[in-house]
Protein backbone atom coordinates (compact mmCIF):
# COMPACT_ATOMS: atom_id res chain seq x y z
CA UNK A 1 0.32 -0.15 -0.40
CA UNK A 2 1.25 3.53 -0.68
CA UNK A 3 0.34 6.77 0.85
CA UNK A 4 1.91 9.61 -1.62
CA UNK A 5 1.20 9.50 -5.45
CA UNK A 6 3.40 10.19 -8.17
CA UNK A 7 0.91 13.36 -8.85
CA UNK A 8 1.66 14.63 -5.80
CA UNK A 9 5.62 13.95 -5.85
CA UNK A 10 5.17 15.69 -9.04
CA UNK A 11 3.25 18.37 -7.48
CA UNK A 12 5.50 19.14 -4.67
CA UNK A 13 8.89 18.82 -6.77
CA UNK A 14 7.83 20.40 -10.15
CA UNK A 15 9.53 17.36 -11.96
CA UNK A 16 8.39 16.75 -15.65
CA UNK A 17 7.97 13.16 -16.89
CA UNK A 18 10.29 14.14 -19.13
CA UNK A 19 13.52 14.27 -16.79
CA UNK A 20 11.98 11.95 -13.79
CA UNK A 21 10.02 9.00 -15.49
CA UNK A 22 6.64 7.89 -13.84
CA UNK A 23 8.71 4.34 -12.70
CA UNK A 24 11.26 6.45 -11.15
CA UNK A 25 8.69 7.84 -9.33
CA UNK A 26 7.03 5.02 -8.09
CA UNK A 27 10.28 3.54 -6.72
CA UNK A 28 11.30 7.25 -4.79
CA UNK A 29 8.47 6.61 -3.26
CA UNK A 30 8.68 2.35 -2.27
CA UNK A 31 11.83 3.67 -0.80
CA UNK A 32 10.37 6.96 0.48
CA UNK A 33 7.81 5.06 2.24
CA UNK A 34 9.53 2.24 4.00
CA UNK A 35 12.66 4.37 4.78
CA UNK A 36 9.90 6.48 7.27
CA UNK A 37 8.37 3.40 8.64
CA UNK A 38 11.73 2.20 9.80
CA UNK A 39 12.79 5.44 10.97
CA UNK A 40 9.57 5.47 12.60
CA UNK A 41 10.11 1.98 14.18
CA UNK A 42 6.51 1.60 13.31
CA UNK A 43 4.12 1.40 10.37
CA UNK A 44 0.51 3.45 8.55
CA UNK A 45 -1.61 0.87 8.63
CA UNK A 46 -2.88 -1.75 11.10
CA UNK A 47 -0.50 -4.74 11.50
CA UNK A 48 -0.85 -7.69 13.08
CA UNK A 49 2.37 -8.93 15.66
CA UNK A 50 2.34 -11.57 18.20
CA UNK A 51 4.61 -10.98 21.24
CA UNK A 52 6.22 -13.15 22.88
CA UNK A 53 7.15 -11.36 25.90
CA UNK A 54 8.41 -12.06 29.99
CA UNK A 55 5.86 -11.87 32.73
CA UNK A 56 7.18 -9.73 35.44
CA UNK A 57 4.71 -10.14 38.79
CA UNK A 58 3.05 -7.02 37.78
CA UNK A 59 -0.68 -6.07 36.78
CA UNK A 60 0.99 -4.76 33.23
CA UNK A 61 3.58 -5.18 29.99
CA UNK A 62 4.47 -3.15 27.00
CA UNK A 63 4.09 -4.47 23.38
CA UNK A 64 7.09 -4.35 21.51
CA UNK A 65 5.89 -2.36 18.73
CA UNK A 66 3.54 0.87 19.28
CA UNK A 67 1.04 2.96 18.96
CA UNK A 68 -1.43 -0.09 20.22
CA UNK A 69 -4.73 -0.66 18.31
CA UNK A 70 -6.43 -3.65 18.98
CA UNK A 71 -5.30 -6.67 21.57
CA UNK A 72 -7.09 -9.37 19.83
CA UNK A 73 -6.15 -12.70 22.27
CA UNK A 74 -3.75 -12.44 25.10
CA UNK A 75 -2.52 -15.34 27.37
CA UNK A 76 -0.53 -15.21 30.72
CA UNK A 77 1.18 -18.74 32.33
CA UNK A 78 -1.05 -21.00 29.93
CA UNK A 79 -4.52 -18.73 30.58
CA UNK A 80 -6.42 -16.68 28.78
CA UNK A 81 -7.46 -13.22 29.10
CA UNK A 82 -10.64 -11.66 27.80
CA UNK A 83 -9.75 -8.54 25.81
CA UNK A 84 -11.86 -6.37 26.20
CA UNK A 85 -11.40 -6.72 29.95
CA UNK A 86 -7.71 -5.39 29.61
CA UNK A 87 -6.98 -1.68 29.95
CA UNK A 88 -5.05 -0.76 26.55
CA UNK A 89 -3.74 2.89 26.14
CA UNK A 90 -2.27 2.96 22.24
CA UNK A 91 0.25 5.62 22.74
CA UNK A 92 3.24 3.46 24.77
CA UNK A 93 2.02 0.09 24.43
CA UNK A 94 0.56 -0.94 28.44
CA UNK A 95 -1.75 -2.86 28.99
CA UNK A 96 -3.00 -3.56 32.22
CA UNK A 97 -4.97 -6.07 33.79
CA UNK A 98 -8.72 -4.82 35.11
CA UNK A 99 -10.84 -5.73 37.79
CA UNK A 100 -12.84 -8.66 36.12
CA UNK A 101 -9.86 -9.96 33.93
CA UNK A 102 -9.17 -14.16 34.56
CA UNK A 103 -5.92 -12.82 36.42
CA UNK A 104 -4.96 -10.09 38.34
CA UNK A 105 -1.38 -10.16 37.61
CA UNK A 106 1.36 -11.38 34.81
CA UNK A 107 2.81 -14.53 36.19
CA UNK A 108 6.64 -13.63 37.20
CA UNK A 109 7.75 -16.39 34.40
CA UNK A 110 10.21 -16.11 31.22
CA UNK A 111 8.67 -15.57 28.34
CA UNK A 112 5.27 -17.01 29.57
CA UNK A 113 3.03 -14.23 28.04
CA UNK A 114 1.42 -14.11 24.52
CA UNK A 115 0.15 -11.31 23.17
CA UNK A 116 -1.68 -10.90 19.50
CA UNK A 117 -2.24 -7.09 18.61
CA UNK A 118 -2.39 -4.83 15.93
CA UNK A 119 -0.24 -1.77 16.26
CA UNK A 120 -0.31 1.38 13.87
CA UNK A 121 0.50 5.42 13.69
CA UNK A 122 -3.35 6.21 12.01
CA UNK A 123 -4.92 9.35 12.99
CA UNK A 124 -9.09 10.13 13.09
CA UNK A 125 -10.15 11.37 9.66
CA UNK A 126 -13.10 13.64 11.15
CA UNK A 127 -14.32 14.06 7.38
CA UNK A 128 -15.51 10.18 6.96
CA UNK A 129 -17.42 10.05 10.12
CA UNK A 130 -20.70 8.51 10.93
CA UNK A 131 -22.59 7.35 13.75
CA UNK A 132 -24.55 4.00 14.91
CA UNK A 133 -28.41 3.80 14.81
CA UNK A 134 -28.74 1.59 17.16
CA UNK A 135 -26.73 -0.79 20.45
CA UNK A 136 -24.40 -3.03 19.21
CA UNK A 137 -22.81 -6.35 20.66
CA UNK A 138 -19.37 -8.01 21.18
CA UNK A 139 -18.66 -10.68 18.31
CA UNK A 140 -16.97 -11.40 14.54
CA UNK A 141 -18.41 -10.06 11.72
CA UNK A 142 -21.02 -7.49 14.09
CA UNK A 143 -22.90 -5.57 11.47
CA UNK A 144 -24.41 -2.28 12.92
CA UNK A 145 -26.44 0.08 11.06
CA UNK A 146 -25.10 4.24 10.64
CA UNK A 147 -26.77 7.36 9.89
CA UNK A 148 -24.88 7.22 6.68
CA UNK A 149 -22.63 4.65 5.52
CA UNK A 150 -21.40 6.58 2.15
CA UNK A 151 -18.47 8.18 3.07
CA UNK A 152 -16.83 4.47 4.12
CA UNK A 153 -15.48 1.64 1.91
CA UNK A 154 -14.64 -2.14 2.75
CA UNK A 155 -11.59 -2.81 4.11
CA UNK A 156 -11.32 0.59 6.26
CA UNK A 157 -9.97 0.73 9.55
CA UNK A 158 -12.06 3.06 12.03
CA UNK A 159 -11.79 4.00 14.93
CA UNK A 160 -15.48 3.40 17.17
CA UNK A 161 -16.05 6.15 20.89
CA UNK A 162 -19.03 6.50 22.81
CA UNK A 163 -20.29 8.20 25.68
CA UNK A 164 -19.99 4.63 27.46
CA UNK A 165 -16.04 5.07 27.40
CA UNK A 166 -15.52 2.28 25.02
CA UNK A 167 -13.04 2.73 22.71
CA UNK A 168 -11.72 0.41 19.99
CA UNK A 169 -10.20 0.03 16.53
CA UNK A 170 -11.97 -2.22 13.55
CA UNK A 171 -12.11 -3.36 10.25
CA UNK A 172 -14.87 -3.02 8.08
CA UNK A 173 -15.33 -6.07 6.32
CA UNK A 174 -18.38 -5.51 3.96
CA UNK A 175 -20.95 -2.16 3.55
CA UNK A 176 -24.50 -2.80 2.22
CA UNK A 177 -26.81 0.42 2.47
CA UNK A 178 -25.95 2.30 6.05
CA UNK A 179 -25.20 -1.45 6.79
CA UNK A 180 -21.44 -2.08 7.91
CA UNK A 181 -20.12 -5.16 8.72
CA UNK A 182 -17.08 -5.22 11.09
CA UNK A 183 -14.57 -8.06 11.23
CA UNK A 184 -14.23 -8.05 15.04
CA UNK A 185 -15.52 -6.16 17.85
CA UNK A 186 -14.43 -6.39 21.75
CA UNK A 187 -16.64 -4.35 23.13
CA UNK A 188 -20.45 -3.53 22.99
CA UNK A 189 -21.47 -0.21 22.20
CA UNK A 190 -24.06 2.13 22.50
CA UNK A 191 -26.23 3.73 20.16
CA UNK A 192 -24.88 6.80 19.16
CA UNK A 193 -21.35 5.60 18.56
CA UNK A 194 -18.83 7.80 16.81
CA UNK A 195 -17.41 5.35 14.04
CA UNK A 196 -14.44 7.92 12.69
CA UNK A 197 -11.99 6.32 9.32
CA UNK A 198 -8.30 6.02 10.61
CA UNK A 199 -6.08 7.20 8.48
CA UNK A 200 -1.85 8.32 7.63
CA UNK A 201 -1.25 11.71 9.97
CA UNK A 202 -0.97 13.95 7.02
CA UNK A 203 2.06 15.48 8.67
CA UNK A 204 3.70 12.05 7.89
CA UNK A 205 2.27 12.09 3.77
CA UNK A 206 3.46 15.64 3.14
CA UNK A 207 6.81 14.39 5.10
CA UNK A 208 6.96 11.68 2.90
CA UNK A 209 6.26 14.12 -0.04
CA UNK A 210 9.59 16.18 0.87
CA UNK A 211 11.35 13.13 1.21
CA UNK A 212 10.46 12.16 -2.25
CA UNK A 213 11.16 15.89 -3.93
CA UNK A 214 14.75 15.70 -2.72
CA UNK A 215 15.23 12.55 -4.10
CA UNK A 216 13.63 13.58 -7.46
CA UNK A 217 15.02 16.97 -7.41
CA UNK A 218 18.43 15.60 -7.27
CA UNK A 219 18.01 13.03 -10.02
CA UNK A 220 16.68 16.18 -12.19
CA UNK A 221 19.62 17.95 -11.66
CA UNK A 222 21.66 15.32 -12.26
CA UNK A 223 19.96 15.05 -15.23
CA UNK A 224 20.44 18.08 -16.76
CA UNK A 225 23.97 17.61 -17.06
CA UNK A 226 23.58 16.92 -20.91
CA UNK A 227 21.97 20.57 -21.22
CA UNK A 228 23.84 23.53 -22.82
CA UNK A 229 23.87 26.32 -21.08
CA UNK A 230 24.64 28.27 -24.25
CA UNK A 231 24.35 28.01 -27.99
CA UNK A 232 25.31 29.69 -31.35
CA UNK A 233 24.03 30.42 -34.48
CA UNK A 234 26.20 32.45 -37.14
CA UNK A 235 26.60 35.88 -35.72
CA UNK A 236 23.94 35.21 -32.97
CA UNK A 237 25.37 33.94 -29.17
CA UNK A 238 22.65 32.94 -26.28
CA UNK A 239 23.67 32.39 -22.98
CA UNK A 240 20.64 30.53 -21.30
CA UNK A 241 22.25 29.80 -17.27
CA UNK A 242 22.94 26.61 -15.80
CA UNK A 243 20.64 24.44 -16.37
CA UNK A 244 19.53 23.37 -12.92
CA UNK A 245 19.25 26.31 -11.04
CA UNK A 246 15.59 26.11 -10.38
CA UNK A 247 16.06 22.26 -9.35
CA UNK A 248 18.51 23.58 -6.51
CA UNK A 249 15.81 26.14 -5.23
CA UNK A 250 13.21 23.58 -5.07
CA UNK A 251 15.96 21.43 -3.10
CA UNK A 252 16.99 24.32 -0.61
CA UNK A 253 13.20 25.01 -0.01
CA UNK A 254 11.72 21.00 0.53
CA UNK A 255 15.21 20.47 2.43
CA UNK A 256 14.16 23.47 4.78
CA UNK A 257 10.30 22.30 5.03
CA UNK A 258 11.85 18.92 5.78
CA UNK A 259 13.60 19.94 8.83
CA UNK A 260 10.53 21.68 10.20
CA UNK A 261 8.80 18.56 9.94
CA UNK A 262 12.02 16.07 10.64
CA UNK A 263 11.44 17.15 14.91
CA UNK A 264 8.03 15.17 14.42
CA UNK A 265 9.77 12.19 12.92
CA UNK A 266 11.36 10.33 15.99
CA UNK A 267 11.54 6.45 16.72
CA UNK A 268 8.82 5.12 18.27
CA UNK A 269 10.62 3.37 21.55
CA UNK A 270 9.65 -0.03 23.58
CA UNK A 271 9.33 0.66 26.29
CA UNK A 272 11.20 -1.52 29.35
CA UNK A 273 9.58 -1.86 32.57
């Protein structure tokens, strides 16, 4: 899955197809997106992971990856814990036992905790949002009627949150009119629960565009080495100047904006207790 397009890169950089081809832009996008994900130690789509962790004798553990979007299953020393009883802290990846969890603490034992979960750095897209018209139940393949489902698509990842205090991430598996089917729900949700699409943050997309602009501009500068800076015809002599000057200006501006965003591009750390 790509997060920026060829059109966005060309708009950001101004580079024409005569200097950088469509296939080269595609290659640039692929490298830039992977480099950004590696630099931040996360993903920008919900990604399933399974951690085998050491139990610590406490009522909490941290996942290897974050932000933590959804706990699918959890076992401690062979005992299963219902995900809906857990307190999940998205940003840090902390999982804390609830008062109604099957066990109170994670057994202090090496590699005794197995967590299946989804992680990814996404944010709510307020332009794609609706509300439920009735209460829902927990389970798999749960269908809920929304007040307006026209902005959603199958395979969208969404966040459900309402006045009951429950917040969870789910994927849409199908849509029929305003009836939306979710792959699985861990919680029951009250009528009027807000359903909002989750998307890659816009500032990360802009950072990717700027990284691609730097890449494309350098390529354009190199590609102009055969351009004539001057030519003559009989008594007529024309000096056009250095052909890559405007690409250099574009590159410098992209570098400045990229640096202003770079302070936000930090690796997601794993918390150790």
